[in-house]
N, C-alpha and C. Protein backbone atom coordinates (compact mmCIF):
# COMPACT_ATOMS: atom_id res chain seq x y z
N MET A 1 0.74 -16.23 -4.21
CA MET A 1 0.20 -16.72 -2.93
C MET A 1 -1.20 -15.67 -2.57
N LYS A 2 -2.26 -16.41 -2.38
CA LYS A 2 -3.26 -15.46 -1.97
C LYS A 2 -3.62 -15.34 -0.50
N LYS A 3 -3.50 -16.27 0.21
CA LYS A 3 -3.64 -16.55 1.85
C LYS A 3 -3.08 -17.57 2.21
N ILE A 4 -2.95 -17.49 3.64
CA ILE A 4 -2.59 -18.91 4.57
C ILE A 4 -3.92 -19.83 4.26
N GLU A 5 -3.90 -20.92 3.59
CA GLU A 5 -5.22 -21.76 3.66
C GLU A 5 -5.30 -22.69 4.82
N HIS A 6 -4.30 -22.96 5.36
CA HIS A 6 -4.75 -23.85 6.75
C HIS A 6 -3.50 -24.06 7.34
N ILE A 7 -3.48 -24.70 8.61
CA ILE A 7 -2.33 -25.21 9.51
C ILE A 7 -2.66 -26.59 9.61
N GLY A 8 -1.26 -27.19 9.20
CA GLY A 8 -1.55 -28.86 9.49
C GLY A 8 -0.76 -29.14 10.66
N ILE A 9 -1.27 -30.03 11.55
CA ILE A 9 -1.10 -30.39 12.98
C ILE A 9 -1.06 -32.02 12.92
N ALA A 10 0.19 -32.47 12.94
CA ALA A 10 0.44 -33.97 13.38
C ALA A 10 -0.03 -34.32 14.47
N VAL A 11 -0.76 -35.39 14.55
CA VAL A 11 -1.39 -35.96 15.71
C VAL A 11 -1.56 -37.50 15.70
N LYS A 12 -1.27 -38.06 17.00
CA LYS A 12 -1.27 -39.57 16.99
C LYS A 12 -2.65 -40.05 16.84
N ASP A 13 -3.62 -39.55 17.63
CA ASP A 13 -5.05 -40.16 17.67
C ASP A 13 -6.09 -38.88 17.16
N ILE A 14 -6.38 -39.34 15.82
CA ILE A 14 -7.47 -38.11 15.38
C ILE A 14 -8.72 -37.95 16.32
N GLU A 15 -9.09 -38.98 16.50
CA GLU A 15 -10.48 -39.23 17.49
C GLU A 15 -10.29 -38.14 18.72
N SER A 16 -9.59 -38.56 19.70
CA SER A 16 -9.25 -37.73 20.81
C SER A 16 -8.76 -36.20 20.32
N SER A 17 -8.08 -36.15 19.15
CA SER A 17 -7.69 -34.82 18.97
C SER A 17 -8.84 -34.29 18.32
N ASN A 18 -9.71 -34.70 17.86
CA ASN A 18 -11.22 -34.11 17.19
C ASN A 18 -11.81 -33.37 18.50
N ASP A 19 -11.79 -34.34 19.46
CA ASP A 19 -12.57 -34.04 20.69
C ASP A 19 -11.96 -32.81 21.39
N LEU A 20 -10.39 -32.65 21.50
CA LEU A 20 -9.92 -31.52 22.02
C LEU A 20 -10.15 -30.26 21.17
N PHE A 21 -9.93 -30.22 19.86
CA PHE A 21 -10.23 -29.41 19.28
C PHE A 21 -11.77 -28.74 19.24
N LYS A 22 -12.86 -29.87 19.02
CA LYS A 22 -14.04 -29.45 19.34
C LYS A 22 -14.28 -28.47 20.93
N ALA A 23 -13.60 -28.94 21.51
CA ALA A 23 -13.84 -28.28 22.69
C ALA A 23 -13.03 -26.85 22.80
N LEU A 24 -12.07 -26.76 22.01
CA LEU A 24 -11.25 -25.46 21.56
C LEU A 24 -12.28 -24.72 21.11
N PHE A 25 -12.87 -25.02 20.01
CA PHE A 25 -13.25 -24.35 18.91
C PHE A 25 -14.96 -24.11 19.33
N GLY A 26 -15.31 -24.90 19.99
CA GLY A 26 -16.73 -25.02 20.37
C GLY A 26 -17.57 -25.51 19.36
N LYS A 27 -16.83 -26.15 18.31
CA LYS A 27 -17.88 -26.82 17.18
C LYS A 27 -17.10 -27.87 16.59
N PRO A 28 -17.75 -28.87 16.05
CA PRO A 28 -16.86 -30.02 15.54
C PRO A 28 -16.19 -29.79 14.32
N HIS A 29 -15.44 -30.72 13.84
CA HIS A 29 -14.86 -30.76 12.56
C HIS A 29 -15.94 -30.76 11.25
N TYR A 30 -15.54 -30.01 10.13
CA TYR A 30 -16.59 -30.10 9.26
C TYR A 30 -16.17 -31.16 8.30
N LYS A 31 -15.26 -31.58 8.30
CA LYS A 31 -14.91 -32.86 7.26
C LYS A 31 -13.66 -33.84 7.65
N ILE A 32 -14.07 -35.16 7.48
CA ILE A 32 -13.07 -35.86 7.81
C ILE A 32 -12.54 -36.66 6.55
N GLU A 33 -11.27 -37.10 6.39
CA GLU A 33 -11.08 -37.70 4.92
C GLU A 33 -9.66 -38.17 4.73
N ALA A 34 -9.79 -39.38 4.21
CA ALA A 34 -8.64 -40.27 4.32
C ALA A 34 -7.81 -40.00 2.82
N VAL A 35 -6.50 -39.75 3.05
CA VAL A 35 -5.60 -39.47 1.64
C VAL A 35 -4.71 -40.45 1.50
N GLU A 36 -5.23 -41.59 0.88
CA GLU A 36 -4.35 -42.80 0.87
C GLU A 36 -3.00 -42.65 0.07
N SER A 37 -2.91 -41.75 -0.77
CA SER A 37 -1.50 -41.61 -1.44
C SER A 37 -0.45 -41.03 -0.42
N GLU A 38 -0.82 -40.38 0.54
CA GLU A 38 0.07 -39.81 1.92
C GLU A 38 -0.09 -40.33 2.94
N GLY A 39 -0.82 -41.65 3.24
CA GLY A 39 -1.07 -42.42 4.15
C GLY A 39 -1.30 -41.57 5.37
N VAL A 40 -2.53 -40.72 5.32
CA VAL A 40 -2.94 -40.19 6.52
C VAL A 40 -4.57 -40.24 6.31
N MET A 41 -5.01 -40.11 7.85
CA MET A 41 -6.46 -39.44 7.88
C MET A 41 -6.45 -38.02 8.20
N THR A 42 -7.38 -37.25 7.54
CA THR A 42 -7.40 -35.45 7.94
C THR A 42 -8.72 -35.45 8.47
N SER A 43 -8.69 -34.38 9.11
CA SER A 43 -9.84 -33.97 9.80
C SER A 43 -9.63 -32.49 9.99
N PHE A 44 -10.91 -31.62 9.41
CA PHE A 44 -10.57 -30.21 9.16
C PHE A 44 -11.54 -29.37 10.36
N PHE A 45 -11.19 -28.24 10.86
CA PHE A 45 -11.59 -27.27 11.55
C PHE A 45 -11.83 -26.05 11.03
N LYS A 46 -13.04 -25.28 11.15
CA LYS A 46 -12.93 -23.86 10.75
C LYS A 46 -12.83 -22.94 12.12
N CYS A 47 -12.33 -21.98 12.13
CA CYS A 47 -11.97 -21.04 13.26
C CYS A 47 -11.99 -19.84 12.51
N GLY A 48 -13.16 -18.67 12.52
CA GLY A 48 -13.29 -17.59 11.79
C GLY A 48 -12.96 -18.16 10.22
N PRO A 49 -12.19 -17.03 9.68
CA PRO A 49 -11.82 -17.35 8.49
C PRO A 49 -10.42 -18.43 8.09
N ASN A 50 -10.19 -18.76 9.15
CA ASN A 50 -8.67 -19.80 9.05
C ASN A 50 -9.39 -21.39 9.28
N LYS A 51 -8.37 -22.21 8.80
CA LYS A 51 -8.51 -23.79 8.82
C LYS A 51 -7.40 -24.32 9.58
N ILE A 52 -7.86 -25.40 10.29
CA ILE A 52 -6.81 -26.35 10.94
C ILE A 52 -7.11 -27.61 10.35
N GLU A 53 -5.85 -28.47 10.12
CA GLU A 53 -6.19 -29.78 9.39
C GLU A 53 -5.44 -30.56 10.35
N LEU A 54 -6.01 -31.38 10.87
CA LEU A 54 -5.44 -32.50 11.80
C LEU A 54 -4.97 -33.81 10.94
N LEU A 55 -3.93 -34.45 11.26
CA LEU A 55 -3.30 -35.24 10.35
C LEU A 55 -2.94 -36.57 11.10
N GLN A 56 -3.54 -37.72 11.25
CA GLN A 56 -2.82 -38.88 11.79
C GLN A 56 -2.48 -39.81 10.66
N ALA A 57 -1.33 -40.53 10.70
CA ALA A 57 -0.83 -41.47 9.97
C ALA A 57 -1.58 -42.78 10.08
N THR A 58 -1.77 -43.19 8.67
CA THR A 58 -2.37 -44.43 8.55
C THR A 58 -1.75 -45.86 8.26
N SER A 59 -0.25 -45.35 7.92
CA SER A 59 0.66 -46.38 7.80
C SER A 59 1.96 -46.08 8.57
N GLU A 60 2.70 -47.03 8.87
CA GLU A 60 4.19 -46.66 9.91
C GLU A 60 5.22 -46.14 8.83
N ASP A 61 4.85 -45.83 7.43
CA ASP A 61 5.99 -45.51 6.73
C ASP A 61 5.60 -43.95 5.94
N SER A 62 4.45 -43.26 6.60
CA SER A 62 3.69 -42.21 5.93
C SER A 62 4.56 -40.98 6.59
N PRO A 63 4.81 -39.86 5.83
CA PRO A 63 5.38 -38.78 6.23
C PRO A 63 4.97 -38.36 7.54
N ILE A 64 3.60 -38.26 7.87
CA ILE A 64 3.39 -38.07 9.23
C ILE A 64 3.83 -39.02 10.25
N ALA A 65 3.70 -40.19 10.00
CA ALA A 65 4.50 -41.37 11.12
C ALA A 65 5.81 -41.08 11.54
N LYS A 66 6.62 -40.53 10.12
CA LYS A 66 7.83 -40.19 10.37
C LYS A 66 8.05 -38.89 11.27
N PHE A 67 7.12 -38.12 11.10
CA PHE A 67 7.31 -36.61 11.42
C PHE A 67 7.11 -37.03 12.97
N ILE A 68 6.16 -37.43 13.39
CA ILE A 68 5.93 -37.72 14.89
C ILE A 68 6.95 -38.60 15.61
N GLU A 69 7.44 -39.38 14.74
CA GLU A 69 8.64 -40.54 15.42
C GLU A 69 9.89 -39.28 15.60
N LYS A 70 9.87 -38.57 14.83
CA LYS A 70 11.28 -37.72 14.96
C LYS A 70 11.16 -36.68 16.04
N LYS A 71 9.80 -35.96 15.83
CA LYS A 71 9.51 -34.62 16.54
C LYS A 71 8.25 -34.49 17.41
N GLY A 72 7.58 -35.42 17.42
CA GLY A 72 6.51 -35.48 18.44
C GLY A 72 5.36 -34.74 17.57
N GLU A 73 4.34 -35.06 18.23
CA GLU A 73 2.99 -34.07 17.70
C GLU A 73 3.04 -32.82 17.69
N GLY A 74 2.60 -31.98 16.59
CA GLY A 74 2.72 -30.51 16.54
C GLY A 74 2.39 -30.03 15.21
N ILE A 75 2.58 -28.71 14.99
CA ILE A 75 2.65 -28.07 13.66
C ILE A 75 3.61 -28.60 12.73
N HIS A 76 2.78 -29.35 11.63
CA HIS A 76 3.63 -29.97 10.55
C HIS A 76 3.83 -29.20 9.38
N HIS A 77 2.90 -28.27 9.20
CA HIS A 77 3.17 -27.56 7.99
C HIS A 77 2.17 -26.48 7.87
N ILE A 78 2.27 -25.43 6.96
CA ILE A 78 1.55 -24.05 6.72
C ILE A 78 1.22 -24.34 5.10
N ALA A 79 0.21 -23.92 5.02
CA ALA A 79 -0.40 -24.52 3.53
C ALA A 79 -1.10 -22.85 3.25
N PHE A 80 -0.56 -22.60 1.86
CA PHE A 80 -0.88 -21.36 1.18
C PHE A 80 -1.80 -21.72 -0.11
N ALA A 81 -2.86 -20.78 -0.28
CA ALA A 81 -3.65 -20.69 -1.57
C ALA A 81 -3.19 -20.31 -2.39
N VAL A 82 -3.45 -20.93 -3.83
CA VAL A 82 -2.58 -20.22 -4.93
C VAL A 82 -3.72 -20.35 -6.13
N SER A 83 -3.46 -19.69 -7.04
CA SER A 83 -4.54 -19.53 -8.12
C SER A 83 -4.18 -20.48 -9.10
N ASN A 84 -3.20 -20.82 -9.54
CA ASN A 84 -2.60 -21.55 -10.53
C ASN A 84 -1.32 -22.41 -9.83
N ILE A 85 -1.44 -23.73 -9.41
CA ILE A 85 -0.42 -24.47 -8.65
C ILE A 85 0.75 -24.81 -9.46
N GLU A 86 0.54 -24.85 -10.91
CA GLU A 86 1.51 -25.14 -11.76
C GLU A 86 2.52 -24.06 -12.03
N GLU A 87 1.91 -22.83 -12.42
CA GLU A 87 2.63 -21.80 -12.14
C GLU A 87 3.56 -21.32 -11.22
N GLU A 88 2.67 -21.32 -10.24
CA GLU A 88 3.55 -21.18 -8.40
C GLU A 88 4.72 -21.97 -8.31
N ILE A 89 4.47 -23.45 -8.90
CA ILE A 89 5.71 -24.34 -8.74
C ILE A 89 6.90 -23.94 -9.67
N GLU A 90 6.61 -23.47 -10.73
CA GLU A 90 7.45 -23.06 -11.65
C GLU A 90 8.29 -21.77 -11.18
N ARG A 91 7.41 -20.98 -10.70
CA ARG A 91 7.82 -19.45 -10.25
C ARG A 91 9.09 -19.86 -8.98
N LEU A 92 8.57 -20.65 -8.01
CA LEU A 92 9.36 -20.74 -6.93
C LEU A 92 10.65 -21.45 -7.27
N LYS A 93 10.59 -22.61 -8.11
CA LYS A 93 11.67 -23.12 -8.55
C LYS A 93 12.46 -22.41 -9.14
N ASN A 94 12.12 -21.33 -10.04
CA ASN A 94 12.79 -20.19 -10.62
C ASN A 94 13.78 -19.39 -9.90
N GLU A 95 12.84 -19.44 -8.63
CA GLU A 95 13.53 -18.23 -7.32
C GLU A 95 14.50 -19.20 -6.57
N GLY A 96 14.61 -20.22 -6.95
CA GLY A 96 15.54 -21.14 -6.38
C GLY A 96 15.09 -21.92 -5.19
N PHE A 97 13.92 -22.10 -4.91
CA PHE A 97 13.17 -23.25 -3.86
C PHE A 97 13.23 -24.61 -4.39
N LYS A 98 13.71 -25.49 -3.44
CA LYS A 98 13.39 -26.86 -3.92
C LYS A 98 12.21 -27.18 -3.55
N MET A 99 11.61 -28.16 -4.38
CA MET A 99 10.37 -28.86 -4.42
C MET A 99 10.22 -30.21 -3.81
N ILE A 100 9.42 -30.51 -3.00
CA ILE A 100 9.34 -32.11 -2.69
C ILE A 100 8.43 -32.67 -4.00
N HIS A 101 7.56 -32.10 -4.49
CA HIS A 101 6.69 -32.34 -5.42
C HIS A 101 6.87 -31.30 -6.74
N GLU A 102 7.25 -32.35 -7.87
CA GLU A 102 7.46 -31.26 -9.09
C GLU A 102 6.45 -31.15 -9.80
N LYS A 103 5.32 -31.95 -9.47
CA LYS A 103 4.15 -31.86 -10.19
C LYS A 103 2.94 -32.01 -9.12
N PRO A 104 1.81 -30.94 -9.08
CA PRO A 104 0.72 -31.17 -8.26
C PRO A 104 0.33 -32.40 -7.93
N LYS A 105 -0.32 -32.81 -6.96
CA LYS A 105 -1.07 -34.08 -6.72
C LYS A 105 -2.50 -33.94 -6.18
N LYS A 106 -3.47 -34.67 -5.86
CA LYS A 106 -4.71 -34.57 -5.32
C LYS A 106 -4.48 -34.76 -3.76
N GLY A 107 -4.81 -34.09 -2.89
CA GLY A 107 -4.85 -33.85 -1.46
C GLY A 107 -5.89 -33.97 -0.94
N ALA A 108 -6.34 -33.61 0.22
CA ALA A 108 -7.38 -33.61 0.94
C ALA A 108 -8.26 -32.26 0.57
N ASP A 109 -9.54 -32.16 1.07
CA ASP A 109 -10.62 -30.97 0.78
C ASP A 109 -10.49 -30.65 -0.34
N ASN A 110 -10.68 -31.47 -1.17
CA ASN A 110 -10.79 -30.86 -2.83
C ASN A 110 -9.75 -30.17 -3.40
N LYS A 111 -8.32 -30.39 -3.16
CA LYS A 111 -7.45 -29.57 -3.46
C LYS A 111 -6.38 -30.35 -4.25
N LEU A 112 -5.53 -29.44 -5.21
CA LEU A 112 -4.07 -29.82 -5.92
C LEU A 112 -2.94 -29.56 -4.53
N ILE A 113 -2.29 -30.11 -4.42
CA ILE A 113 -1.28 -29.66 -3.71
C ILE A 113 -0.01 -30.27 -4.33
N ALA A 114 1.19 -29.61 -3.44
CA ALA A 114 2.48 -29.63 -3.61
C ALA A 114 3.23 -28.70 -2.48
N PHE A 115 4.35 -29.79 -2.04
CA PHE A 115 5.24 -29.33 -1.10
C PHE A 115 6.35 -28.95 -1.33
N LEU A 116 7.03 -27.56 -0.68
CA LEU A 116 8.32 -26.95 -0.89
C LEU A 116 9.36 -27.98 0.10
N HIS A 117 10.34 -27.99 -0.18
CA HIS A 117 11.16 -28.58 0.94
C HIS A 117 11.64 -27.54 2.00
N PRO A 118 11.61 -28.21 3.20
CA PRO A 118 11.61 -27.12 4.28
C PRO A 118 13.03 -26.83 4.47
N LYS A 119 14.18 -27.69 3.83
CA LYS A 119 15.66 -27.13 3.46
C LYS A 119 15.86 -25.77 2.91
N SER A 120 14.59 -25.40 1.99
CA SER A 120 14.93 -24.08 1.15
C SER A 120 13.97 -23.04 1.78
N THR A 121 13.27 -23.56 2.82
CA THR A 121 12.37 -22.59 3.55
C THR A 121 12.37 -22.35 5.09
N ASN A 122 14.00 -22.23 5.37
CA ASN A 122 14.20 -21.94 6.93
C ASN A 122 13.47 -23.04 7.95
N GLY A 123 13.13 -24.22 7.62
CA GLY A 123 12.88 -25.61 8.07
C GLY A 123 11.60 -25.48 8.22
N VAL A 124 10.58 -24.68 7.59
CA VAL A 124 9.38 -24.74 7.65
C VAL A 124 8.70 -25.58 6.55
N LEU A 125 7.90 -26.70 6.65
CA LEU A 125 7.49 -27.32 5.41
C LEU A 125 6.27 -26.42 4.84
N ILE A 126 5.96 -26.20 3.56
CA ILE A 126 5.04 -25.29 3.07
C ILE A 126 4.74 -26.11 1.95
N GLU A 127 3.05 -25.95 1.99
CA GLU A 127 2.19 -26.74 0.88
C GLU A 127 1.47 -25.55 0.15
N LEU A 128 1.35 -26.01 -1.00
CA LEU A 128 0.75 -25.12 -2.05
C LEU A 128 -0.54 -25.64 -2.30
N CYS A 129 -1.73 -25.08 -2.26
CA CYS A 129 -3.01 -25.35 -2.34
C CYS A 129 -3.78 -24.83 -3.51
N GLN A 130 -4.52 -25.62 -4.34
CA GLN A 130 -5.46 -25.00 -5.19
C GLN A 130 -6.70 -25.60 -5.28
N ASP A 131 -7.90 -25.23 -5.18
CA ASP A 131 -9.01 -25.67 -5.32
C ASP A 131 -9.21 -26.25 -6.62
N ILE A 132 -9.55 -27.56 -6.77
CA ILE A 132 -9.56 -28.48 -8.05
C ILE A 132 -10.62 -27.84 -8.86
N ASP A 133 -11.71 -26.92 -8.40
CA ASP A 133 -12.83 -26.46 -9.12
C ASP A 133 -12.41 -24.97 -9.76
N ASP A 134 -10.84 -24.57 -9.30
CA ASP A 134 -10.44 -23.10 -9.90
C ASP A 134 -10.05 -23.44 -11.15
């Protein structure tokens, strides 16, 4: 793993959350994007070398809708940048980690993604991210 790529925050209303984070960081989001396969609308902010991803559910059965129903708004996941997501998935499986996604899939912000199950990471949802251009 190369670095923390971003922190994902589940929100009920992406527009009001965009306003809040714009005021917090002093600048607007740099990207807003729907990820239909995950049932979410995403918005990205940069703060120095770090990124924040806001996630709003676009369907009642999406993982974000279920998360907010169970836990409320807040930190949803921590994403780590990797050079080769398929090799990293295999390495982590060999180390005994349970994957939610056995194969990478297209995510937001031009990334291939895969999630580790929080039961194998002390309750923290971990996302692996690889730039599609890598």
